[in-house]
Each structure stands twice: as C-alpha cells, then as structure tokens.
Amino acid sequence: MCNSTKGHNYKRAFAFRFLVSPQDKPLKKILAISGGMVVCMVILMSLYGACEMAFHTGLWSQVPVMWVKNIPYNFIMALPFQFLIAGPLVRKLFRTLFPVES
C-alpha cells in the first residue's frame, strides 16, 4: 500500500534508521513515525499558510517571518491531535477495514 511507494518511505526510513529498531515495542515505533510525520507536515503546512497569507495580502516579504512564527503554533496543535485523536482513530479504522490474517 502506501508504504511500498517511494514517496512515502522517507518518514519510515528516517524513523527506523535514527529513532527505533524493528525489534522495539510497537508503541515506540508508532510514536517515532507519527512524530516524524507531524514535524514534516508542520514545517510544510506552515510554509503553505504563510504563502497563502501573502497571496491574499500581497506581503510577500513577510513570508519567512510568518512561516517561522506559525511553526510553534501549528506544532502545539498538531502533535497532541495526532497522538491523541487522529492516530488512534485511523489505526482502529484501518485495522477494522484491513485485518491482519494470522
């Protein structure tokens, strides 16, 4: 599925190279991969938000300032949301829809 495509392997490759090993507990793997995903998404979406602001206001010189300013705000919201709500919900949904056969 998504893990077999080249574009989505960078988060998992980084997590398994630097943060966890395949022998670690599943919770540690989940936290490492989800945390890495949050960091990447926050950086990119903060840039998108700054560019969107500049597009509507015309203040393109403010993009770097708004980008750096938005990163902490987005991180504060995204990390707990991913760990407490979105991650568990999506894992439960996918385990229900695509059960692993023993």
N, C-alpha and C. Protein backbone atom coordinates (compact mmCIF):
# COMPACT_ATOMS: atom_id res chain seq x y z
N MET A 1 0.85 -1.17 0.00
CA MET A 1 0.00 0.00 0.00
C MET A 1 0.89 1.24 0.00
N CYS A 2 0.61 2.23 0.84
CA CYS A 2 1.39 3.48 0.83
C CYS A 2 2.85 3.25 1.19
N ASN A 3 3.13 2.27 2.02
CA ASN A 3 4.49 2.05 2.46
C ASN A 3 5.37 1.47 1.36
N SER A 4 4.76 0.95 0.30
CA SER A 4 5.57 0.38 -0.76
C SER A 4 5.96 1.41 -1.82
N THR A 5 5.35 2.60 -1.78
CA THR A 5 5.72 3.63 -2.76
C THR A 5 6.93 4.40 -2.27
N LYS A 6 7.72 4.87 -3.21
CA LYS A 6 8.97 5.54 -2.85
C LYS A 6 8.73 6.87 -2.14
N GLY A 7 7.68 7.58 -2.47
CA GLY A 7 7.43 8.90 -1.90
C GLY A 7 7.10 8.90 -0.42
N HIS A 8 6.58 7.80 0.09
CA HIS A 8 6.15 7.76 1.48
C HIS A 8 7.13 7.05 2.40
N ASN A 9 8.22 6.55 1.89
CA ASN A 9 9.15 5.77 2.70
C ASN A 9 10.12 6.62 3.51
N TYR A 10 10.26 7.89 3.21
CA TYR A 10 11.27 8.70 3.88
C TYR A 10 11.01 8.82 5.38
N LYS A 11 9.75 8.94 5.80
CA LYS A 11 9.44 9.05 7.24
C LYS A 11 9.80 7.75 7.95
N ARG A 12 9.40 6.67 7.36
CA ARG A 12 9.68 5.37 7.97
C ARG A 12 11.18 5.07 7.95
N ALA A 13 11.85 5.39 6.85
CA ALA A 13 13.29 5.15 6.75
C ALA A 13 14.04 5.97 7.79
N PHE A 14 13.66 7.24 7.95
CA PHE A 14 14.31 8.08 8.97
C PHE A 14 14.05 7.52 10.36
N ALA A 15 12.80 7.16 10.64
CA ALA A 15 12.46 6.65 11.97
C ALA A 15 13.22 5.37 12.28
N PHE A 16 13.29 4.45 11.34
CA PHE A 16 13.96 3.18 11.61
C PHE A 16 15.48 3.29 11.56
N ARG A 17 15.99 4.32 10.92
CA ARG A 17 17.44 4.48 10.89
C ARG A 17 17.97 5.17 12.14
N PHE A 18 17.24 6.17 12.63
CA PHE A 18 17.76 7.00 13.71
C PHE A 18 17.02 6.86 15.03
N LEU A 19 15.75 6.50 15.03
CA LEU A 19 14.95 6.56 16.25
C LEU A 19 14.61 5.21 16.86
N VAL A 20 14.26 4.24 16.06
CA VAL A 20 13.83 2.94 16.57
C VAL A 20 14.45 1.83 15.74
N SER A 21 14.35 0.63 16.26
CA SER A 21 14.78 -0.54 15.51
C SER A 21 13.58 -1.46 15.33
N PRO A 22 13.61 -2.37 14.37
CA PRO A 22 12.47 -3.26 14.15
C PRO A 22 12.11 -4.12 15.37
N GLN A 23 13.05 -4.29 16.30
CA GLN A 23 12.78 -5.11 17.48
C GLN A 23 12.09 -4.32 18.61
N ASP A 24 12.00 -3.01 18.49
CA ASP A 24 11.38 -2.20 19.54
C ASP A 24 9.89 -2.48 19.65
N LYS A 25 9.31 -2.04 20.77
CA LYS A 25 7.88 -2.24 21.00
C LYS A 25 7.07 -1.44 19.98
N PRO A 26 5.88 -1.92 19.65
CA PRO A 26 5.04 -1.23 18.65
C PRO A 26 4.73 0.22 19.03
N LEU A 27 4.51 0.50 20.31
CA LEU A 27 4.20 1.87 20.71
C LEU A 27 5.35 2.81 20.39
N LYS A 28 6.56 2.38 20.62
CA LYS A 28 7.72 3.22 20.32
C LYS A 28 7.81 3.48 18.81
N LYS A 29 7.53 2.48 18.00
CA LYS A 29 7.54 2.66 16.55
C LYS A 29 6.45 3.64 16.11
N ILE A 30 5.27 3.49 16.68
CA ILE A 30 4.15 4.37 16.33
C ILE A 30 4.48 5.81 16.68
N LEU A 31 5.01 6.03 17.87
CA LEU A 31 5.34 7.39 18.30
C LEU A 31 6.44 8.01 17.43
N ALA A 32 7.44 7.22 17.06
CA ALA A 32 8.53 7.73 16.23
C ALA A 32 8.04 8.11 14.83
N ILE A 33 7.27 7.24 14.21
CA ILE A 33 6.78 7.51 12.86
C ILE A 33 5.77 8.65 12.86
N SER A 34 4.84 8.65 13.81
CA SER A 34 3.85 9.71 13.89
C SER A 34 4.50 11.06 14.22
N GLY A 35 5.45 11.05 15.13
CA GLY A 35 6.15 12.29 15.46
C GLY A 35 6.91 12.86 14.28
N GLY A 36 7.56 11.99 13.52
CA GLY A 36 8.27 12.44 12.33
C GLY A 36 7.33 12.99 11.29
N MET A 37 6.17 12.37 11.16
CA MET A 37 5.18 12.85 10.21
C MET A 37 4.67 14.23 10.63
N VAL A 38 4.45 14.43 11.92
CA VAL A 38 3.97 15.72 12.41
C VAL A 38 5.00 16.81 12.13
N VAL A 39 6.26 16.53 12.39
CA VAL A 39 7.31 17.53 12.16
C VAL A 39 7.34 17.94 10.69
N CYS A 40 7.32 16.97 9.79
CA CYS A 40 7.35 17.28 8.35
C CYS A 40 6.11 18.07 7.93
N MET A 41 4.95 17.64 8.38
CA MET A 41 3.72 18.31 7.99
C MET A 41 3.64 19.73 8.55
N VAL A 42 4.08 19.93 9.78
CA VAL A 42 4.03 21.27 10.38
C VAL A 42 4.92 22.23 9.60
N ILE A 43 6.11 21.80 9.26
CA ILE A 43 7.02 22.67 8.52
C ILE A 43 6.43 23.03 7.16
N LEU A 44 5.94 22.05 6.43
CA LEU A 44 5.40 22.31 5.10
C LEU A 44 4.09 23.09 5.14
N MET A 45 3.20 22.75 6.04
CA MET A 45 1.91 23.44 6.08
C MET A 45 2.05 24.85 6.64
N SER A 46 3.03 25.09 7.49
CA SER A 46 3.28 26.46 7.95
C SER A 46 3.77 27.32 6.80
N LEU A 47 4.59 26.76 5.94
CA LEU A 47 5.03 27.47 4.74
C LEU A 47 3.85 27.74 3.81
N TYR A 48 2.99 26.75 3.64
CA TYR A 48 1.81 26.93 2.81
C TYR A 48 0.92 28.05 3.38
N GLY A 49 0.71 28.06 4.68
CA GLY A 49 -0.10 29.10 5.30
C GLY A 49 0.50 30.48 5.12
N ALA A 50 1.81 30.59 5.25
CA ALA A 50 2.47 31.89 5.05
C ALA A 50 2.33 32.35 3.60
N CYS A 51 2.47 31.43 2.65
CA CYS A 51 2.31 31.77 1.23
C CYS A 51 0.86 32.14 0.92
N GLU A 52 -0.07 31.44 1.53
CA GLU A 52 -1.49 31.76 1.34
C GLU A 52 -1.80 33.16 1.86
N MET A 53 -1.24 33.50 3.01
CA MET A 53 -1.42 34.84 3.57
C MET A 53 -0.83 35.89 2.62
N ALA A 54 0.34 35.63 2.10
CA ALA A 54 0.98 36.57 1.19
C ALA A 54 0.19 36.71 -0.11
N PHE A 55 -0.38 35.64 -0.58
CA PHE A 55 -1.18 35.68 -1.81
C PHE A 55 -2.38 36.60 -1.65
N HIS A 56 -3.01 36.56 -0.49
CA HIS A 56 -4.21 37.38 -0.26
C HIS A 56 -3.89 38.81 0.12
N THR A 57 -2.75 39.06 0.77
CA THR A 57 -2.43 40.40 1.23
C THR A 57 -1.39 41.10 0.36
N GLY A 58 -0.60 40.33 -0.39
CA GLY A 58 0.45 40.92 -1.21
C GLY A 58 1.74 41.19 -0.46
N LEU A 59 1.83 40.75 0.79
CA LEU A 59 3.02 40.99 1.61
C LEU A 59 3.99 39.82 1.49
N TRP A 60 4.58 39.64 0.32
CA TRP A 60 5.47 38.51 0.08
C TRP A 60 6.76 38.60 0.89
N SER A 61 7.15 39.80 1.29
CA SER A 61 8.36 39.94 2.09
C SER A 61 8.18 39.40 3.50
N GLN A 62 6.93 39.19 3.92
CA GLN A 62 6.65 38.69 5.27
C GLN A 62 6.57 37.16 5.34
N VAL A 63 6.71 36.48 4.21
CA VAL A 63 6.58 35.01 4.20
C VAL A 63 7.56 34.33 5.15
N PRO A 64 8.85 34.64 5.13
CA PRO A 64 9.75 33.96 6.07
C PRO A 64 9.40 34.20 7.53
N VAL A 65 9.02 35.43 7.86
CA VAL A 65 8.67 35.77 9.24
C VAL A 65 7.42 35.01 9.66
N MET A 66 6.39 35.02 8.81
CA MET A 66 5.14 34.31 9.15
C MET A 66 5.36 32.80 9.21
N TRP A 67 6.21 32.29 8.34
CA TRP A 67 6.50 30.86 8.34
C TRP A 67 7.10 30.44 9.68
N VAL A 68 8.14 31.14 10.09
CA VAL A 68 8.81 30.80 11.36
C VAL A 68 7.88 31.05 12.55
N LYS A 69 7.06 32.07 12.47
CA LYS A 69 6.13 32.38 13.56
C LYS A 69 5.04 31.31 13.68
N ASN A 70 4.57 30.77 12.56
CA ASN A 70 3.48 29.80 12.58
C ASN A 70 3.91 28.40 13.01
N ILE A 71 5.18 28.06 12.85
CA ILE A 71 5.62 26.70 13.17
C ILE A 71 5.30 26.31 14.61
N PRO A 72 5.64 27.11 15.63
CA PRO A 72 5.31 26.68 17.01
C PRO A 72 3.81 26.54 17.25
N TYR A 73 3.01 27.47 16.70
CA TYR A 73 1.56 27.38 16.88
C TYR A 73 1.00 26.10 16.26
N ASN A 74 1.42 25.80 15.05
CA ASN A 74 0.94 24.60 14.38
C ASN A 74 1.43 23.33 15.07
N PHE A 75 2.66 23.35 15.57
CA PHE A 75 3.20 22.18 16.25
C PHE A 75 2.44 21.89 17.54
N ILE A 76 2.10 22.94 18.28
CA ILE A 76 1.35 22.78 19.54
C ILE A 76 -0.01 22.14 19.28
N MET A 77 -0.61 22.45 18.14
CA MET A 77 -1.92 21.88 17.82
C MET A 77 -1.80 20.49 17.18
N ALA A 78 -0.83 20.31 16.31
CA ALA A 78 -0.75 19.08 15.52
C ALA A 78 -0.27 17.88 16.31
N LEU A 79 0.71 18.06 17.19
CA LEU A 79 1.27 16.91 17.91
C LEU A 79 0.25 16.24 18.82
N PRO A 80 -0.43 16.97 19.71
CA PRO A 80 -1.44 16.29 20.54
C PRO A 80 -2.58 15.72 19.71
N PHE A 81 -2.99 16.44 18.66
CA PHE A 81 -4.08 15.94 17.81
C PHE A 81 -3.70 14.61 17.17
N GLN A 82 -2.48 14.51 16.67
CA GLN A 82 -2.02 13.28 16.03
C GLN A 82 -1.92 12.13 17.03
N PHE A 83 -1.31 12.40 18.18
CA PHE A 83 -1.10 11.33 19.16
C PHE A 83 -2.38 10.91 19.89
N LEU A 84 -3.29 11.84 20.14
CA LEU A 84 -4.45 11.54 20.97
C LEU A 84 -5.73 11.26 20.20
N ILE A 85 -5.89 11.84 19.01
CA ILE A 85 -7.17 11.71 18.30
C ILE A 85 -7.00 11.04 16.93
N ALA A 86 -6.30 11.69 16.03
CA ALA A 86 -6.24 11.22 14.64
C ALA A 86 -5.53 9.87 14.51
N GLY A 87 -4.36 9.73 15.13
CA GLY A 87 -3.60 8.49 15.02
C GLY A 87 -4.36 7.27 15.51
N PRO A 88 -4.88 7.30 16.75
CA PRO A 88 -5.63 6.14 17.22
C PRO A 88 -6.88 5.85 16.40
N LEU A 89 -7.59 6.89 15.98
CA LEU A 89 -8.79 6.68 15.17
C LEU A 89 -8.47 6.02 13.84
N VAL A 90 -7.45 6.51 13.16
CA VAL A 90 -7.09 5.96 11.85
C VAL A 90 -6.56 4.54 11.98
N ARG A 91 -5.75 4.28 13.02
CA ARG A 91 -5.25 2.91 13.22
C ARG A 91 -6.40 1.94 13.48
N LYS A 92 -7.37 2.35 14.30
CA LYS A 92 -8.53 1.49 14.57
C LYS A 92 -9.33 1.26 13.29
N LEU A 93 -9.55 2.33 12.53
CA LEU A 93 -10.31 2.20 11.29
C LEU A 93 -9.61 1.25 10.31
N PHE A 94 -8.30 1.42 10.13
CA PHE A 94 -7.58 0.57 9.18
C PHE A 94 -7.48 -0.87 9.68
N ARG A 95 -7.35 -1.07 10.97
CA ARG A 95 -7.31 -2.45 11.48
C ARG A 95 -8.66 -3.12 11.34
N THR A 96 -9.74 -2.33 11.40
CA THR A 96 -11.08 -2.89 11.19
C THR A 96 -11.32 -3.22 9.72
N LEU A 97 -10.92 -2.28 8.85
CA LEU A 97 -11.16 -2.49 7.41
C LEU A 97 -10.21 -3.51 6.79
N PHE A 98 -8.97 -3.54 7.27
CA PHE A 98 -7.94 -4.42 6.69
C PHE A 98 -7.30 -5.25 7.79
N PRO A 99 -8.01 -6.25 8.30
CA PRO A 99 -7.45 -7.06 9.38
C PRO A 99 -6.24 -7.88 8.91
N VAL A 100 -5.28 -8.05 9.81
CA VAL A 100 -4.10 -8.85 9.51
C VAL A 100 -4.46 -10.31 9.76
N GLU A 101 -4.28 -11.14 8.76
CA GLU A 101 -4.61 -12.54 8.91
C GLU A 101 -3.43 -13.28 9.49
N SER A 102 -3.68 -14.11 10.48
CA SER A 102 -2.62 -14.88 11.13
C SER A 102 -2.36 -16.17 10.43
